[in-house]
Amino acid sequence: MKLSRDFTNKINWILDNLLPPFVRDSRFIMSPLFLLLFGKKGKLFLNFKENAWEFNSTEMANYYKELASVHIKRETDLNLSCEKYILNKIKGDKVLDIACGRGYLAKKIQQKEGCEVVGIDFVIPDELKNSKNISFQEGIIEDIKYPNNFFDTVISTHTLEHVLDLEKCITELRRVAAKRLIVVLPKQRPYRFTFDLHLQFFPYKYNVLKAFGNVNGNCVLLDNDWLYIEDL
């Protein structure tokens, strides 16, 4: 199933704001829908938030791999407004796209800016491993294998909502960034049952600013996704 981020954001807004909380938090009500959409793997979605806090990084990666076949398949999780904003805010010649997925944004940046781009994810598709213009590498956001201040711009899109230790990941992003940090997060309420594997939730702007220590960053809402940008 291929649905654009712009389309699913509209669905997410309806689910977040028009359905009563007791519906989203009721296993009795939500279970039939999850099983209808995801079959036997629906139980993995239903149980995720209760179990994930006991996972290590390997167990978390395996959980994602197990559910890969039922996830929405699309080129990018970015909506168009965020994509355009990011492409106009790149600073410097070295760029990191952490949790780069299928490499959509990394390719766009390299084509537009012609700079040195590194894309990191815990699984790199085979078709990206021999890329000539971009270095795609396997790794995790909690432990980026680069020296301090190595990249001019560090980008993390639709990643931090999935992590267990939010503070550690933000510290790591700042550590490897020399000039600019750009982060995209979904505007989403923290219901018990959601159609994704999210553990961190950012329903309001102050949730984003609090996560980043309310420093001199700028946070804007672009088509129901938060875009946070911080100069270092």
Protein backbone atom coordinates (compact mmCIF):
# COMPACT_ATOMS: atom_id res chain seq x y z
CA MET A 1 0.00 0.00 0.00
CA LYS A 2 1.52 3.33 -1.09
CA LEU A 3 0.14 6.46 0.55
CA SER A 4 1.91 9.83 0.56
CA ARG A 5 2.83 11.51 3.83
CA ASP A 6 0.59 14.46 2.95
CA PHE A 7 -2.40 12.10 2.63
CA THR A 8 -1.72 10.06 5.78
CA ASN A 9 -1.20 13.26 7.78
CA LYS A 10 -4.80 14.18 7.05
CA ILE A 11 -5.95 10.74 8.24
CA ASN A 12 -3.78 11.04 11.36
CA TRP A 13 -5.27 14.44 12.17
CA ILE A 14 -8.78 12.97 12.02
CA LEU A 15 -7.82 10.00 14.19
CA ASP A 16 -6.04 12.18 16.74
CA ASN A 17 -8.63 14.91 17.04
CA LEU A 18 -12.05 13.49 16.21
CA LEU A 19 -12.01 10.06 17.82
CA PRO A 20 -12.57 10.12 21.61
CA PRO A 21 -9.48 9.09 23.62
CA PHE A 22 -11.27 6.13 25.19
CA VAL A 23 -11.61 4.62 21.68
CA ARG A 24 -7.89 4.95 20.89
CA ASP A 25 -6.93 3.56 24.29
CA SER A 26 -9.33 0.60 24.31
CA ARG A 27 -7.80 -2.73 23.33
CA PHE A 28 -11.30 -4.20 23.04
CA ILE A 29 -12.31 -1.60 20.43
CA MET A 30 -9.01 -1.29 18.56
CA SER A 31 -8.02 -4.97 18.32
CA PRO A 32 -10.44 -5.92 15.50
CA LEU A 33 -9.21 -2.99 13.38
CA PHE A 34 -5.53 -3.85 13.87
CA LEU A 35 -6.15 -7.51 13.07
CA LEU A 36 -8.14 -6.53 9.97
CA LEU A 37 -5.37 -4.25 8.70
CA PHE A 38 -2.32 -6.30 9.69
CA GLY A 39 -3.55 -9.88 10.11
CA LYS A 40 -1.65 -11.94 12.68
CA LYS A 41 0.96 -9.20 12.95
CA GLY A 42 -1.68 -6.87 14.34
CA LYS A 43 -0.89 -8.21 17.81
CA LEU A 44 2.69 -7.01 17.46
CA PHE A 45 1.42 -3.46 16.94
CA LEU A 46 -1.02 -3.78 19.83
CA ASN A 47 1.67 -5.03 22.22
CA PHE A 48 4.48 -2.75 21.06
CA LYS A 49 4.29 0.10 23.56
CA GLU A 50 4.05 -2.27 26.52
CA ASN A 51 7.04 -4.38 25.42
CA ALA A 52 9.39 -1.94 23.68
CA TRP A 53 10.87 -0.45 26.86
CA GLU A 54 12.54 -3.78 27.60
CA PHE A 55 14.16 -4.06 24.13
CA ASN A 56 17.82 -3.53 23.37
CA SER A 57 18.82 -2.02 20.01
CA THR A 58 19.06 -5.43 18.30
CA GLU A 59 15.63 -6.53 19.53
CA MET A 60 14.12 -3.23 18.40
CA ALA A 61 15.65 -3.60 14.93
CA ASN A 62 14.31 -7.14 14.65
CA TYR A 63 10.83 -5.96 15.62
CA TYR A 64 10.88 -3.43 12.78
CA LYS A 65 12.12 -6.04 10.32
CA GLU A 66 9.31 -8.41 11.38
CA LEU A 67 6.70 -5.74 10.62
CA ALA A 68 8.32 -4.37 7.45
CA SER A 69 5.97 -6.32 5.18
CA VAL A 70 2.86 -4.59 6.60
CA HIS A 71 4.18 -1.04 6.90
CA ILE A 72 3.04 1.64 4.47
CA LYS A 73 5.51 1.60 1.59
CA ARG A 74 6.52 4.96 0.13
CA GLU A 75 9.62 6.75 -1.08
CA THR A 76 9.75 9.07 1.91
CA ASP A 77 7.99 9.87 5.17
CA LEU A 78 8.50 13.59 4.53
CA ASN A 79 5.60 15.76 3.48
CA LEU A 80 6.29 18.09 0.57
CA SER A 81 6.46 21.26 2.69
CA CYS A 82 9.12 19.79 4.98
CA GLU A 83 11.11 18.49 2.03
CA LYS A 84 11.22 21.92 0.37
CA TYR A 85 12.10 23.62 3.65
CA ILE A 86 15.00 21.27 4.35
CA LEU A 87 16.45 21.57 0.86
CA ASN A 88 16.64 25.35 1.32
CA LYS A 89 18.25 25.16 4.76
CA ILE A 90 21.33 23.00 4.15
CA LYS A 91 24.45 24.62 5.58
CA GLY A 92 27.98 23.64 4.62
CA ASP A 93 29.48 20.88 2.48
CA LYS A 94 29.13 17.77 4.69
CA VAL A 95 25.63 16.47 5.43
CA LEU A 96 24.39 13.52 7.47
CA ASP A 97 20.93 12.04 6.94
CA ILE A 98 20.49 9.76 9.94
CA ALA A 99 17.87 7.00 9.62
CA CYS A 100 17.84 7.71 5.90
CA GLY A 101 15.45 4.90 4.92
CA ARG A 102 15.54 4.32 1.18
CA GLY A 103 17.78 7.34 0.63
CA TYR A 104 15.14 9.67 -0.82
CA LEU A 105 16.22 12.84 1.01
CA ALA A 106 19.94 12.07 0.82
CA LYS A 107 19.66 11.81 -2.96
CA LYS A 108 17.68 15.06 -3.19
CA ILE A 109 20.30 16.90 -1.12
CA GLN A 110 23.21 15.56 -3.15
CA GLN A 111 21.51 16.46 -6.43
CA LYS A 112 20.63 20.00 -5.33
CA GLU A 113 23.68 20.94 -3.32
CA GLY A 114 26.38 18.70 -4.79
CA CYS A 115 27.83 18.26 -1.32
CA GLU A 116 29.24 15.24 0.49
CA VAL A 117 26.28 13.28 1.88
CA VAL A 118 26.29 10.32 4.26
CA GLY A 119 23.12 8.30 4.85
CA ILE A 120 22.91 6.01 7.88
CA ASP A 121 20.19 3.49 8.80
CA PHE A 122 20.09 0.21 10.70
CA VAL A 123 19.24 -1.53 7.40
CA ILE A 124 20.56 -0.27 4.07
CA PRO A 125 18.74 -1.66 0.99
CA ASP A 126 21.01 -3.57 -1.38
CA GLU A 127 20.43 -1.10 -4.21
CA LEU A 128 22.00 1.71 -2.14
CA LYS A 129 25.12 -0.09 -0.96
CA ASN A 130 27.14 0.64 -4.10
CA SER A 131 25.98 4.22 -4.59
CA LYS A 132 28.63 6.35 -6.30
CA ASN A 133 27.63 9.80 -5.03
CA ILE A 134 26.43 9.07 -1.50
CA SER A 135 27.96 6.96 1.25
CA PHE A 136 25.19 4.76 2.67
CA GLN A 137 26.18 2.98 5.88
CA GLU A 138 24.53 0.79 8.47
CA GLY A 139 24.36 2.23 11.97
CA ILE A 140 22.07 3.58 14.67
CA ILE A 141 21.18 7.07 15.87
CA GLU A 142 22.17 6.24 19.46
CA ASP A 143 25.80 5.69 18.45
CA ILE A 144 26.94 7.58 15.34
CA LYS A 145 30.43 6.39 14.35
CA TYR A 146 31.86 9.81 13.48
CA PRO A 147 33.98 12.34 15.40
CA ASN A 148 32.58 15.43 17.10
CA ASN A 149 31.44 18.22 14.76
CA PHE A 150 32.19 16.13 11.68
CA PHE A 151 29.13 17.19 9.64
CA ASP A 152 28.10 20.74 8.82
CA THR A 153 24.40 19.84 8.74
CA VAL A 154 22.79 16.87 10.50
CA ILE A 155 19.25 15.86 9.54
CA SER A 156 16.90 13.51 11.37
CA THR A 157 13.43 13.09 9.88
CA HIS A 158 10.71 10.94 11.47
CA THR A 159 13.23 9.14 13.65
CA LEU A 160 13.16 10.46 17.21
CA GLU A 161 9.55 9.40 17.73
CA HIS A 162 10.79 5.79 17.50
CA VAL A 163 13.65 5.89 20.02
CA LEU A 164 13.77 4.67 23.61
CA ASP A 165 16.26 7.22 24.98
CA LEU A 166 15.28 10.57 23.46
CA GLU A 167 17.82 12.65 25.40
CA LYS A 168 20.72 10.40 24.40
CA CYS A 169 19.79 10.57 20.72
CA ILE A 170 19.50 14.36 20.71
CA THR A 171 22.89 14.62 22.42
CA GLU A 172 24.39 12.38 19.75
CA LEU A 173 22.88 14.43 16.92
CA ARG A 174 24.34 17.62 18.38
CA ARG A 175 27.71 15.96 18.96
CA VAL A 176 28.35 15.24 15.28
CA ALA A 177 26.85 18.51 13.98
CA ALA A 178 29.09 21.53 13.52
CA LYS A 179 26.73 24.15 12.13
CA ARG A 180 23.08 23.12 11.86
CA LEU A 181 20.65 20.49 13.13
CA ILE A 182 17.34 19.85 11.36
CA VAL A 183 14.73 17.50 12.84
CA VAL A 184 11.24 16.54 11.63
CA LEU A 185 8.72 15.03 14.06
CA PRO A 186 5.06 14.06 13.69
CA LYS A 187 2.43 16.12 15.50
CA GLN A 188 0.72 13.26 17.28
CA ARG A 189 -1.09 12.58 20.55
CA PRO A 190 0.19 9.79 22.86
CA TYR A 191 -2.58 7.24 22.57
CA ARG A 192 -2.06 3.66 23.68
CA PHE A 193 -2.78 2.16 20.24
CA THR A 194 -1.39 3.88 17.15
CA PHE A 195 -0.85 2.60 13.64
CA ASP A 196 2.90 2.98 13.86
CA LEU A 197 5.78 2.07 16.15
CA HIS A 198 6.12 5.39 17.96
CA LEU A 199 7.29 5.75 21.55
CA GLN A 200 7.77 9.52 21.77
CA PHE A 201 4.94 11.95 21.10
CA PHE A 202 4.88 15.65 20.28
CA PRO A 203 1.31 16.97 20.20
CA TYR A 204 2.34 20.57 20.97
CA LYS A 205 5.18 22.90 20.10
CA TYR A 206 6.31 23.07 23.72
CA ASN A 207 6.82 19.27 23.69
CA VAL A 208 9.38 19.73 20.92
CA LEU A 209 11.11 22.67 22.60
CA LYS A 210 11.21 20.81 25.91
CA ALA A 211 12.81 17.77 24.27
CA PHE A 212 15.59 19.98 22.89
CA GLY A 213 16.10 21.88 26.12
CA ASN A 214 14.28 24.99 24.88
CA VAL A 215 17.50 26.45 23.47
CA ASN A 216 17.70 28.92 20.60
CA GLY A 217 16.09 26.57 18.11
CA ASN A 218 13.13 27.41 15.91
CA CYS A 219 10.12 25.10 15.64
CA VAL A 220 7.48 25.45 12.91
CA LEU A 221 4.44 23.35 11.98
CA LEU A 222 4.38 22.32 8.33
CA ASP A 223 1.33 20.34 7.23
CA ASN A 224 0.90 18.63 10.61
CA ASP A 225 4.60 17.80 11.10
CA TRP A 226 6.98 19.73 13.33
CA LEU A 227 10.24 20.96 11.82
CA TYR A 228 12.87 21.97 14.35
CA ILE A 229 16.03 23.77 13.25
CA GLU A 230 18.95 24.73 15.49
CA ASP A 231 22.20 26.51 14.68
CA LEU A 232 25.17 25.32 16.73
